[in-house]
């Protein structure tokens, strides 16, 4: 499991730090230290029972400030990008563990003057050292079923320029932790908090009051992608003739791991410099779709195939793509066509949601990851993606 997370972290690091022709001078490096004091939300029954849900985080980042020389610099508010590390503490609930996160970050100015700026920021990475759910040891917090989780952060902030090298920032951030259903339970944790930051620019800060935008040629792309993933599946509810007290939680959360893999193609047409709209179609093998759990006559949890033959699922999806140089973010709500409904307890909706991240290598090769979900808040599985751009044509 840890090997999988390390691989995913390496991939995300590559997406954030690959610069190719957009290499920036090292004199544009900046260092940031931040402090967050906030509360996590009562998003599951266990967390709702906790009266004091305070947490403290401290973080340090090294980032590169773009200089405005590229068109995408101007379009995204002369953004910065880099990486950081975050340490988290729960003063009233040490049983949560002492997690720390390693992440990549990207942000830029919404509006700027010579003395201050309003900014956006995003971060994504992995948090380690959680106290995970463990029935045998009596640790029954269902927030996370693994000691490692995904970490996602979104925020806005105001920065006041203290001089040519220092900025003082104050903002509001949303933090999310979950493991993408790699191991259940996976209720996840959400938190809002104010954030205080101090930024040091190694070089003097540059102000660009009137960045003019260039005309651009719209283009269309056709991509083909192969993806695979692993999902943890568990017994849900109870069977007829049994009580909830008959369900052995140790057996339930042991569950089984199922494979998911597929092939799809998607066409995009650019509508603005940043945005493209498209449509895709694909086929999916979902081993979890053909898995049914049940209680035998002794109440023990078993599982079997629901169908005699495995079924491939045909799916179709509209797609939105946000492009940032060679990096892209995909939002793709989709539909499974001809999906059979056998038992409501284990049948997910035909409507699914996916958020994906993609990086283009040498114009044609595509690497990325995606999170497939259902009901807009339940993680299904993480996809590992490899693709090829068949064509990219100007309109």
Foldseek 3Di string as FASTA:
>chain_A
DVVVQVVVQVVQQCLQPDQVVNDDDPLQKKKKKKKWWWFWDQLDPVSVVDPDGIKIKIKMWIKGFRDLPDQLCVVQARKIKGWMKMWMDGVVCCLQWTKMWIKIKMKHFPDDDPFKTKMKMKIKTKIAGTNADDVVVPRHDQQARDRMWIKIKIKIWMWTDPAQFKIKIKIKMKIWIFHLQQFGPHSTIIIITIMIMMMTRSHGDDDDNDNDHDDDFKKKWKKKKKKKWKHFDFADDADPPDDPVLADVVQGRVGDMWMKIWMKMKMWTDDDPFKIKIKMKIKMFTRLLQKDWHQPPSSGIDIDGPDPDGDIWIKMWIWMWTDNPQKIKIKIWMFTPPRDDDDPRRDAHRIKIKIKIWGDDPNWKIWIKMWIAGPVRGTGTIMGMIMTIPDMGGD
